[in-house]
Protein backbone atom coordinates (compact mmCIF):
# COMPACT_ATOMS: atom_id res chain seq x y z
CA MET A 1 18.06 9.09 -31.02
CA GLN A 2 21.04 7.87 -28.99
CA LYS A 3 21.80 11.38 -27.73
CA GLN A 4 18.17 11.87 -26.70
CA LYS A 5 18.06 8.44 -25.04
CA TYR A 6 20.24 9.54 -22.13
CA LYS A 7 18.88 13.03 -21.68
CA THR A 8 17.43 14.15 -18.33
CA ILE A 9 14.24 16.15 -17.88
CA ASN A 10 16.05 19.22 -16.54
CA LEU A 11 17.63 19.63 -20.00
CA ALA A 12 14.29 19.80 -21.83
CA THR A 13 14.04 22.67 -24.31
CA ALA A 14 11.19 25.18 -24.44
CA SER A 15 9.76 23.50 -27.54
CA GLU A 16 9.91 20.09 -25.84
CA ILE A 17 8.08 21.46 -22.80
CA THR A 18 5.36 22.86 -25.07
CA LYS A 19 5.04 19.46 -26.73
CA PHE A 20 4.84 17.75 -23.33
CA THR A 21 1.95 20.03 -22.31
CA GLU A 22 0.02 19.15 -25.47
CA ILE A 23 0.53 15.41 -24.89
CA GLU A 24 -0.60 15.66 -21.28
CA ARG A 25 -3.86 17.34 -22.31
CA SER A 26 -4.73 14.62 -24.81
CA LEU A 27 -7.17 11.97 -23.55
CA GLU A 28 -7.02 9.74 -26.64
CA MET A 29 -6.87 6.10 -25.49
CA ARG A 30 -5.81 7.29 -22.03
CA PRO A 31 -7.29 5.49 -19.00
CA LEU A 32 -9.00 7.75 -16.47
CA PHE A 33 -8.35 5.99 -13.15
CA HIS A 34 -5.29 3.92 -14.00
CA ILE A 35 -1.99 5.76 -13.66
CA THR A 36 -0.44 6.82 -16.99
CA PRO A 37 2.62 8.97 -17.74
CA PRO A 38 1.94 12.61 -18.62
CA HIS A 39 4.18 12.03 -21.65
CA GLY A 40 6.80 9.49 -22.63
CA LEU A 41 7.20 5.97 -21.28
CA LEU A 42 6.14 4.50 -17.94
CA ASN A 43 7.35 1.15 -16.63
CA ASP A 44 7.98 -0.42 -13.17
CA PRO A 45 6.24 0.97 -10.07
CA ASN A 46 8.81 2.01 -7.45
CA GLY A 47 8.93 3.29 -3.87
CA PHE A 48 5.32 2.32 -3.10
CA CYS A 49 4.68 3.19 0.56
CA PHE A 50 2.45 4.80 3.17
CA PHE A 51 4.31 7.71 4.78
CA ASN A 52 3.28 10.92 6.56
CA ASN A 53 -0.41 9.93 6.32
CA GLN A 54 -0.25 9.69 2.53
CA TYR A 55 0.23 7.02 -0.07
CA HIS A 56 3.38 7.55 -2.11
CA LEU A 57 4.17 5.95 -5.43
CA PHE A 58 6.97 6.43 -7.91
CA TYR A 59 7.41 4.85 -11.31
CA GLN A 60 10.12 4.42 -13.91
CA TRP A 61 9.74 7.23 -16.40
CA PHE A 62 11.47 8.28 -19.61
CA PRO A 63 10.00 11.72 -20.35
CA PHE A 64 11.17 12.35 -23.91
CA ASP A 65 9.78 9.50 -25.98
CA THR A 66 7.95 6.17 -25.92
CA TYR A 67 11.02 3.93 -26.09
CA HIS A 68 13.18 2.91 -23.12
CA GLY A 69 15.67 5.67 -22.31
CA MET A 70 17.11 7.49 -19.30
CA LYS A 71 14.94 6.35 -16.38
CA HIS A 72 13.72 8.91 -13.84
CA TRP A 73 11.51 8.37 -10.78
CA MET A 74 8.18 10.16 -11.23
CA HIS A 75 6.50 10.85 -7.86
CA LEU A 76 2.77 10.73 -7.05
CA THR A 77 0.78 11.01 -3.83
CA SER A 78 -2.77 10.02 -2.94
CA ASN A 79 -5.15 9.94 0.00
CA ASP A 80 -7.27 7.10 -1.38
CA LEU A 81 -5.20 5.08 -3.93
CA LEU A 82 -7.49 6.28 -6.72
CA ASN A 83 -6.96 10.03 -7.13
CA TRP A 84 -3.26 10.78 -7.61
CA LYS A 85 -1.31 14.04 -7.69
CA ARG A 86 1.89 14.22 -9.72
CA HIS A 87 4.97 15.91 -8.26
CA GLY A 88 7.36 15.48 -11.18
CA SER A 89 10.65 13.62 -11.32
CA LYS A 90 12.07 13.30 -7.79
CA ILE A 91 15.04 11.11 -8.66
CA THR A 92 16.68 12.47 -11.79
CA PRO A 93 19.88 10.63 -12.76
CA LYS A 94 22.52 13.37 -12.84
CA GLU A 95 25.36 11.71 -10.90
CA ASN A 96 28.19 9.51 -12.13
CA TYR A 97 26.98 6.58 -10.00
CA GLU A 98 23.67 6.58 -11.96
CA SER A 99 24.99 7.80 -15.28
CA HIS A 100 22.58 5.77 -17.43
CA GLY A 101 19.45 5.80 -15.33
CA ALA A 102 17.88 5.62 -11.88
CA TYR A 103 16.58 2.08 -12.15
CA SER A 104 13.90 0.40 -10.06
CA GLY A 105 13.82 0.05 -6.30
CA SER A 106 11.57 0.26 -3.29
CA ALA A 107 10.78 2.16 -0.10
CA PHE A 108 11.44 1.28 3.51
CA VAL A 109 9.69 3.28 6.26
CA GLU A 110 10.84 3.31 9.88
CA ASN A 111 10.76 5.85 12.74
CA ASN A 112 9.06 8.49 10.59
CA ASN A 113 11.77 8.19 7.95
CA ALA A 114 11.21 7.04 4.38
CA TYR A 115 14.21 5.51 2.64
CA LEU A 116 14.16 5.07 -1.14
CA PHE A 117 16.59 2.45 -2.45
CA TYR A 118 17.25 2.23 -6.18
CA THR A 119 19.78 0.97 -8.71
CA GLY A 120 22.18 3.33 -10.44
CA ASN A 121 22.62 1.96 -13.95
CA ILE A 122 26.06 2.30 -15.56
CA LYS A 123 26.92 1.47 -19.15
CA LYS A 124 30.49 1.23 -20.41
CA GLY A 125 30.49 0.47 -24.11
CA SER A 126 29.00 -3.00 -24.49
CA SER A 127 29.35 -3.80 -20.76
CA ARG A 128 27.37 -2.58 -17.79
CA ASP A 129 27.64 -2.16 -14.04
CA ALA A 130 25.20 -1.40 -11.23
CA ASN A 131 25.31 0.56 -7.97
CA GLN A 132 22.74 0.40 -5.20
CA CYS A 133 21.77 3.90 -4.12
CA LEU A 134 19.73 5.64 -1.43
CA ALA A 135 17.53 8.74 -1.34
CA LEU A 136 15.45 10.15 1.52
CA LEU A 137 11.83 11.31 1.25
CA ASP A 138 10.85 13.98 3.79
CA ASN A 139 7.55 15.34 5.14
CA THR A 140 7.41 18.06 2.46
CA ASN A 141 7.65 15.47 -0.36
CA ALA A 142 11.21 16.55 -1.13
CA VAL A 143 13.65 13.78 -2.07
CA THR A 144 17.36 14.11 -1.28
CA LYS A 145 20.00 11.72 -2.53
CA TYR A 146 22.19 10.27 0.20
CA SER A 147 25.78 11.42 0.31
CA PRO A 148 27.97 9.47 -0.01
CA ASN A 149 26.15 7.33 -2.58
CA PRO A 150 26.24 4.52 -3.58
CA VAL A 151 25.60 2.42 -0.48
CA ILE A 152 26.71 -0.66 -2.47
CA LYS A 153 29.25 -0.07 -5.21
CA SER A 154 29.25 -2.39 -8.22
CA VAL A 155 28.18 -6.04 -8.11
CA PRO A 156 29.46 -9.05 -6.14
CA LYS A 157 31.89 -11.49 -7.69
CA GLY A 158 30.22 -14.17 -9.78
CA TYR A 159 27.42 -11.97 -11.15
CA THR A 160 27.05 -9.86 -14.28
CA GLY A 161 26.19 -6.15 -14.27
CA HIS A 162 22.53 -7.17 -14.22
CA VAL A 163 22.02 -6.71 -10.48
CA ARG A 164 19.12 -4.41 -9.62
CA ASP A 165 15.75 -3.67 -7.99
CA PRO A 166 16.54 -3.53 -4.24
CA LYS A 167 13.82 -4.59 -1.79
CA ILE A 168 14.41 -4.00 1.95
CA VAL A 169 12.91 -6.06 4.78
CA LYS A 170 13.69 -6.21 8.51
CA HIS A 171 14.10 -9.42 10.50
CA ASN A 172 15.42 -9.84 14.06
CA GLU A 173 16.85 -6.30 14.18
CA HIS A 174 18.76 -6.79 10.93
CA TYR A 175 17.94 -5.27 7.57
CA TYR A 176 18.09 -7.39 4.44
CA MET A 177 18.27 -6.24 0.83
CA LEU A 178 17.00 -8.60 -1.86
CA LEU A 179 18.27 -7.97 -5.38
CA GLY A 180 17.48 -9.51 -8.74
CA ALA A 181 20.65 -10.83 -10.35
CA GLN A 182 22.20 -12.81 -13.18
CA ARG A 183 24.90 -15.42 -12.60
CA GLU A 184 28.08 -14.91 -14.58
CA ALA A 185 28.81 -18.61 -15.07
CA ASP A 186 25.71 -19.60 -17.04
CA LEU A 187 23.78 -16.32 -17.41
CA SER A 188 20.88 -17.63 -15.32
CA GLY A 189 18.66 -15.72 -12.91
CA ALA A 190 19.06 -15.53 -9.13
CA ILE A 191 18.08 -13.52 -6.06
CA ILE A 192 20.96 -12.33 -3.88
CA ILE A 193 20.91 -10.90 -0.35
CA TYR A 194 22.85 -8.23 1.56
CA GLN A 195 22.60 -7.52 5.30
CA SER A 196 22.91 -4.28 7.29
CA ASP A 197 22.49 -2.99 10.83
CA ASP A 198 21.89 0.65 9.88
CA LEU A 199 20.58 0.74 6.27
CA LEU A 200 23.81 2.45 5.18
CA SER A 201 26.59 -0.16 5.36
CA TRP A 202 25.81 -3.44 3.61
CA GLU A 203 27.51 -6.84 3.62
CA PHE A 204 26.99 -9.42 0.88
CA LYS A 205 25.57 -12.63 2.39
CA GLY A 206 25.01 -14.79 -0.66
CA GLU A 207 22.35 -16.21 -2.93
CA LEU A 208 18.85 -17.16 -1.86
CA ASP A 209 18.28 -20.89 -2.34
CA LEU A 210 14.79 -21.34 -3.77
CA GLN A 211 13.70 -24.84 -2.76
CA PHE A 212 11.00 -25.88 -5.23
CA SER A 213 10.54 -29.53 -4.11
CA GLY A 214 11.73 -31.15 -7.31
CA GLU A 215 10.59 -28.39 -9.67
CA PHE A 216 13.01 -25.94 -11.24
CA LEU A 217 12.27 -22.47 -12.54
CA THR A 218 14.28 -21.27 -15.52
CA GLY A 219 15.17 -17.73 -16.52
CA TYR A 220 18.15 -15.61 -17.51
CA MET A 221 17.38 -12.81 -15.02
CA PHE A 222 15.14 -12.58 -11.94
CA GLU A 223 13.85 -9.01 -11.70
CA CYS A 224 11.96 -7.04 -9.06
CA PRO A 225 12.07 -9.40 -6.04
CA ASP A 226 9.52 -8.64 -3.32
CA LEU A 227 9.13 -10.31 0.07
CA LEU A 228 6.19 -9.85 2.42
CA ASN A 229 3.98 -11.64 4.89
CA VAL A 230 0.32 -12.22 4.04
CA ASP A 231 -1.99 -13.78 6.62
CA GLY A 232 0.95 -15.42 8.39
CA HIS A 233 2.59 -16.77 5.21
CA ASP A 234 5.89 -15.62 3.71
CA VAL A 235 5.32 -14.61 0.09
CA LEU A 236 8.14 -14.14 -2.41
CA ILE A 237 7.27 -12.43 -5.69
CA PHE A 238 9.65 -11.95 -8.60
CA SER A 239 9.72 -11.59 -12.37
CA PRO A 240 11.80 -14.26 -14.14
CA GLN A 241 12.88 -13.13 -17.58
CA GLY A 242 13.30 -16.01 -20.01
CA SER A 243 11.05 -18.47 -18.19
CA LYS A 244 9.77 -21.23 -20.45
CA ALA A 245 6.09 -21.87 -21.12
CA ASN A 246 4.63 -24.47 -18.77
CA GLY A 247 1.24 -25.74 -19.90
CA SER A 248 -1.03 -22.70 -20.05
CA ARG A 249 1.34 -20.65 -17.88
CA PHE A 250 4.20 -18.30 -18.76
CA HIS A 251 3.22 -17.41 -22.33
CA ASN A 252 4.18 -13.74 -22.13
CA ARG A 253 7.56 -12.30 -23.02
CA PHE A 254 8.09 -11.58 -19.32
CA ASN A 255 6.14 -13.27 -16.53
CA VAL A 256 5.62 -12.95 -12.77
CA ILE A 257 5.41 -15.69 -10.16
CA TYR A 258 4.60 -15.82 -6.47
CA CYS A 259 5.87 -18.40 -3.99
CA LEU A 260 4.18 -19.24 -0.68
CA GLY A 261 6.48 -20.75 1.92
CA SER A 262 8.98 -19.78 4.58
CA ILE A 263 12.24 -17.85 4.43
CA ASN A 264 15.29 -18.52 6.60
CA PHE A 265 17.67 -15.56 6.57
CA GLU A 266 20.35 -17.42 8.50
CA LYS A 267 20.47 -20.27 5.96
CA LEU A 268 19.45 -18.07 3.00
CA THR A 269 16.71 -20.48 1.96
CA PHE A 270 13.12 -20.08 0.86
CA GLU A 271 11.17 -23.32 1.16
CA VAL A 272 8.41 -23.18 -1.45
CA GLU A 273 5.09 -24.77 -0.47
CA HIS A 274 3.18 -23.51 -3.51
CA TRP A 275 4.01 -21.33 -6.50
CA ASP A 276 2.12 -20.08 -9.51
CA GLU A 277 1.73 -17.35 -12.07
CA LEU A 278 0.48 -14.14 -10.47
CA ASP A 279 -1.65 -12.92 -13.38
CA ARG A 280 -3.11 -14.98 -16.26
CA GLY A 281 -3.42 -12.16 -18.78
CA PHE A 282 -1.15 -10.42 -21.27
CA ASP A 283 0.03 -7.25 -19.56
CA PHE A 284 1.30 -7.60 -16.01
CA TYR A 285 4.91 -7.19 -14.89
CA ALA A 286 7.26 -5.91 -12.16
CA PRO A 287 4.68 -5.78 -9.33
CA GLN A 288 5.54 -4.07 -6.07
CA THR A 289 3.82 -4.21 -2.68
CA MET A 290 3.31 -1.26 -0.37
CA ALA A 291 5.82 -0.63 2.41
CA ASN A 292 4.43 0.38 5.81
CA THR A 293 0.88 -0.47 4.76
CA PRO A 294 -1.77 0.86 7.16
CA ASP A 295 -4.10 -2.10 6.57
CA GLU A 296 -4.07 -4.94 4.01
CA GLN A 297 -1.05 -5.85 1.94
CA THR A 298 -1.46 -4.04 -1.36
CA LEU A 299 0.18 -4.59 -4.74
CA ILE A 300 0.45 -2.59 -7.95
CA ALA A 301 2.12 -3.55 -11.25
CA TRP A 302 3.17 -2.29 -14.65
CA ALA A 303 0.66 -3.03 -17.41
CA GLY A 304 2.71 -3.05 -20.57
CA THR A 305 6.10 -4.38 -21.78
CA ASP A 306 5.24 -4.04 -25.49
CA GLU A 307 6.97 -0.98 -26.98
CA GLU A 308 4.76 -0.73 -30.09
CA LEU A 309 1.36 0.09 -28.60
CA PRO A 310 -1.04 2.42 -30.47
CA SER A 311 -0.93 5.13 -27.78
CA ARG A 312 2.60 5.94 -29.01
CA GLN A 313 1.01 8.11 -31.69
CA PHE A 314 -0.31 10.33 -28.89
CA GLY A 315 3.08 10.63 -27.15
CA TRP A 316 2.69 8.26 -24.19
CA ILE A 317 2.82 4.53 -23.49
CA ASN A 318 1.88 2.06 -20.73
CA CYS A 319 -0.02 2.35 -17.45
CA LEU A 320 -0.14 0.76 -14.01
CA THR A 321 -2.72 -1.72 -12.80
CA LEU A 322 -5.18 -0.82 -10.09
CA PRO A 323 -3.87 -1.34 -6.55
CA ARG A 324 -4.88 -4.83 -5.40
CA THR A 325 -5.25 -6.09 -1.84
CA LEU A 326 -3.73 -9.49 -1.13
CA SER A 327 -5.00 -12.38 0.96
CA ILE A 328 -4.40 -16.12 1.20
CA LEU A 329 -7.04 -18.81 1.19
CA ASN A 330 -6.30 -22.53 0.93
CA ARG A 331 -2.65 -21.85 0.07
CA ARG A 332 -3.52 -19.60 -2.86
CA LEU A 333 -2.85 -15.88 -3.21
CA TYR A 334 -5.98 -13.84 -3.92
CA GLN A 335 -6.01 -10.33 -5.42
CA GLN A 336 -8.90 -7.90 -5.09
CA PRO A 337 -9.08 -4.43 -6.64
CA LYS A 338 -8.96 -1.84 -3.87
CA ILE A 339 -11.29 0.38 -5.89
CA LEU A 340 -14.26 -1.96 -5.32
CA GLN A 341 -13.73 -1.82 -1.56
CA SER A 342 -13.42 1.95 -1.36
CA TYR A 343 -15.85 3.30 -3.95
CA SER A 344 -19.47 2.68 -4.76
CA PHE A 345 -20.40 2.62 -8.42
CA ASN A 346 -23.60 4.04 -9.83
CA LYS A 347 -25.57 0.82 -10.22
CA ARG A 348 -27.87 0.12 -13.13
CA PRO A 349 -29.68 -3.25 -13.37
CA LEU A 350 -29.16 -5.26 -16.52
CA GLU A 351 -31.46 -7.98 -17.78
CA ILE A 352 -29.73 -11.28 -18.48
CA ASN A 353 -31.43 -11.89 -21.81
CA LYS A 354 -30.38 -8.56 -23.27
CA THR A 355 -27.66 -8.37 -25.93
CA ASN A 356 -25.98 -5.53 -27.80
CA ILE A 357 -25.94 -3.38 -24.68
CA PRO A 358 -24.39 0.06 -25.38
CA ILE A 359 -21.50 0.75 -23.02
CA LYS A 360 -18.80 3.32 -22.40
CA LEU A 361 -15.42 1.70 -21.86
CA GLU A 362 -14.12 4.34 -19.48
CA GLN A 363 -14.95 4.00 -15.77
CA LEU A 364 -17.01 0.85 -16.29
CA SER A 365 -17.36 -2.10 -13.96
CA PHE A 366 -19.64 -5.05 -14.45
CA SER A 367 -19.98 -8.23 -12.45
CA LEU A 368 -21.64 -11.59 -12.89
CA ASP A 369 -22.72 -13.62 -9.88
CA VAL A 370 -23.22 -17.16 -11.16
CA ASN A 371 -25.84 -18.89 -9.05
CA GLU A 372 -25.94 -22.07 -11.13
CA PHE A 373 -23.24 -22.63 -13.73
CA ASN A 374 -23.78 -25.09 -16.56
CA GLY A 375 -20.43 -24.72 -18.21
CA ASN A 376 -20.71 -22.15 -20.99
CA ILE A 377 -20.50 -18.35 -20.85
CA LYS A 378 -19.26 -15.92 -23.51
CA ILE A 379 -18.68 -12.27 -22.72
CA SER A 380 -17.66 -9.95 -25.54
CA ILE A 381 -16.99 -6.25 -25.87
CA GLU A 382 -17.63 -5.35 -29.50
CA THR A 383 -17.46 -2.59 -32.05
CA LYS A 384 -18.80 -2.83 -35.58
CA ASN A 385 -15.83 -4.89 -36.78
CA LYS A 386 -13.93 -6.20 -33.74
CA LYS A 387 -14.48 -7.93 -30.45
CA LEU A 388 -12.59 -8.78 -27.27
CA LEU A 389 -13.84 -12.18 -26.13
CA PHE A 390 -13.75 -13.78 -22.69
CA SER A 391 -15.21 -17.28 -22.66
CA ILE A 392 -15.69 -20.10 -20.17
CA LYS A 393 -16.48 -23.64 -21.24
CA ASP A 394 -16.71 -26.05 -18.35
CA ARG A 395 -13.59 -24.92 -16.44
CA ASP A 396 -11.57 -23.80 -19.46
CA ILE A 397 -11.11 -20.04 -19.72
CA HIS A 398 -9.99 -18.16 -22.83
CA LEU A 399 -9.23 -14.46 -23.22
CA ASP A 400 -8.97 -13.60 -26.92
CA ARG A 401 -7.80 -10.22 -28.25
CA SER A 402 -6.73 -11.54 -31.68
CA GLN A 403 -8.97 -9.08 -33.54
CA TYR A 404 -6.98 -6.23 -32.00
CA ASN A 405 -3.78 -7.08 -33.88
CA HIS A 406 -1.89 -3.96 -32.80
CA HIS A 407 0.21 -5.82 -30.22
CA PRO A 408 3.48 -6.91 -31.91
CA GLU A 409 4.27 -9.18 -28.96
CA ASP A 410 1.08 -11.12 -29.75
CA TRP A 411 2.55 -12.08 -33.12
CA GLU A 412 5.31 -13.92 -31.27
CA PHE A 413 3.62 -15.00 -28.04
CA GLY A 414 0.01 -15.38 -29.15
CA SER A 415 -3.16 -13.33 -28.79
CA ILE A 416 -5.13 -15.82 -26.68
CA ARG A 417 -4.54 -16.66 -23.03
CA HIS A 418 -5.90 -19.95 -21.71
CA HIS A 419 -6.30 -21.21 -18.15
CA ARG A 420 -8.08 -24.25 -16.76
CA THR A 421 -9.35 -23.86 -13.21
CA ASN A 422 -9.84 -26.61 -10.65
CA TYR A 423 -12.86 -24.83 -9.17
CA ASP A 424 -16.36 -23.79 -10.22
CA ILE A 425 -16.61 -20.17 -11.26
CA THR A 426 -19.22 -18.31 -9.25
CA ASP A 427 -18.11 -14.69 -9.50
CA ILE A 428 -16.68 -12.67 -12.42
CA LYS A 429 -15.76 -8.98 -12.19
CA PHE A 430 -14.65 -6.79 -15.10
CA ILE A 431 -13.14 -3.34 -14.61
CA CYS A 432 -12.76 -1.41 -17.86
CA ASP A 433 -10.91 1.86 -18.23
CA GLN A 434 -10.60 2.98 -21.84
CA SER A 435 -7.68 0.80 -23.02
CA ILE A 436 -7.19 -1.60 -20.10
CA ILE A 437 -9.40 -4.34 -18.67
CA GLU A 438 -8.85 -6.24 -15.43
CA ILE A 439 -10.86 -9.43 -14.90
CA TYR A 440 -11.20 -11.01 -11.44
CA LEU A 441 -12.60 -14.52 -10.93
CA ASN A 442 -14.00 -15.83 -7.63
CA ASN A 443 -12.95 -12.86 -5.51
CA GLY A 444 -9.51 -12.70 -7.10
CA ARG A 445 -8.52 -16.37 -7.14
CA ASP A 446 -7.41 -15.77 -10.73
CA VAL A 447 -6.86 -12.42 -12.47
CA PHE A 448 -6.40 -11.44 -16.13
CA THR A 449 -4.89 -8.07 -17.08
CA CYS A 450 -5.30 -7.02 -20.70
CA LEU A 451 -4.52 -3.91 -22.72
CA PHE A 452 -6.49 -3.32 -25.88
CA PHE A 453 -6.97 -0.18 -27.92
CA PRO A 454 -10.38 0.04 -29.55
CA GLU A 455 -11.08 2.76 -32.04
CA ASN A 456 -13.31 5.63 -31.05
CA GLU A 457 -16.53 3.84 -31.91
CA GLU A 458 -19.68 2.78 -30.13
CA HIS A 459 -19.08 -0.30 -27.98
CA ARG A 460 -21.55 -2.99 -27.09
CA LEU A 461 -21.54 -5.69 -24.46
CA ASN A 462 -22.84 -9.17 -25.23
CA ILE A 463 -23.27 -11.91 -22.66
CA LEU A 464 -24.32 -15.34 -23.90
CA GLN A 465 -24.93 -18.37 -21.72
CA LYS A 466 -26.73 -21.69 -21.73
CA GLU A 467 -30.37 -21.43 -20.78
CA ASP A 468 -29.87 -23.32 -17.53
CA THR A 469 -27.03 -21.08 -16.34
CA ASP A 470 -28.47 -18.72 -13.73
CA MET A 471 -26.65 -15.39 -13.30
CA ASP A 472 -27.21 -12.01 -11.70
CA ILE A 473 -25.54 -9.15 -13.58
CA LYS A 474 -24.73 -5.62 -12.44
CA LEU A 475 -23.43 -2.91 -14.74
CA ASN A 476 -21.85 0.06 -12.97
CA TYR A 477 -20.02 3.29 -13.76
CA LEU A 478 -17.54 4.93 -11.43
CA THR A 479 -17.83 8.63 -10.77
CA ILE A 480 -14.47 10.07 -9.73
């Protein structure tokens, strides 16, 4: 296993290639309009950008098995953020400066050039090191590694080898690189910043001071930092590993937060006006926003983190969320699935008093417009023996997948997610795609992402509510 773990795709044998082809053809448990790996393991989205009149997306990919191994960058392109074409691994870690994987990074687009920054992972026995590397994407979709790489060798003094996930932004004619890091002194998480005038030569500036107004966020590593502006607000997104549960928040193994506020690059401060969990569900990590977006700010994330999911038996694991557009209202970050803006579903009316409605889980969307809410709604997707339950009582929300006990992380972190809103719920949207469900409340004020792997049985939808709760329901199927 260890030998296979650090093998690159160009060394695949003929028998392995035959096996890969068989896995790719299998549709068992595989979502149809969420991105999945052809075979092997998918994790963080990388290099998400709009370039040369196309959307480009890469993701972390280990081709040979469903555990974490030698990470490649799989490349996809799209004209609509729904239908994607694979182009294979475009960053394959063959060089000494990336000897144990081409780890996560991001794109920066300027003057018709697309720069791909990533972390070259180095392991030396029980220790590790990290280099920050550059590759160039051209108009033919070819990717060429910059020579001489790396653009930043090793890690700055005071930090462990856990320095990774470069994000590039431009401010006042200077370029800034944000990196997730771990402090050497107490093994706690941080975000550090480098500065450049040409994207090639970088100077370490220091650590970003996150000013939380009396609150303190814990974690042993801050991964995948992202910085953008949404509706005139600076937004900092990152993934703190080791954050402690806080009320109903942060109950996953790894969590994601967003901070609204203002950044000062001269003082290296981010003054936080509001912060919260980005997704309330089970399966949402390492989000990345689109560079050079042609319209709204758009985000996509890894739906996974558990290495023991049932799809392993079919040779693949994990998927990405749908792309989500971002907006801010009343100092809160809203997320809306791009698919509902761009595509019309085949609409079929559904009577409110009907139960045991036969449904197909793939390509399904259903929405509830709550005209008058009296505090109690239960929505379940059921087979003969199991159900996935989403319930609202007053303003308390529960998402329960306990009957699908195939998630080992649930044994440790729980199989129910709870959130109490401070608003009345008037709009609920479900998007189902075989083994993933995304739930959007009140136009994306809160979002729940959930993987579940039902057996190949007939599924039924049940919606129960108090008699004096008035709702309009639409059940739709997407035709791709």
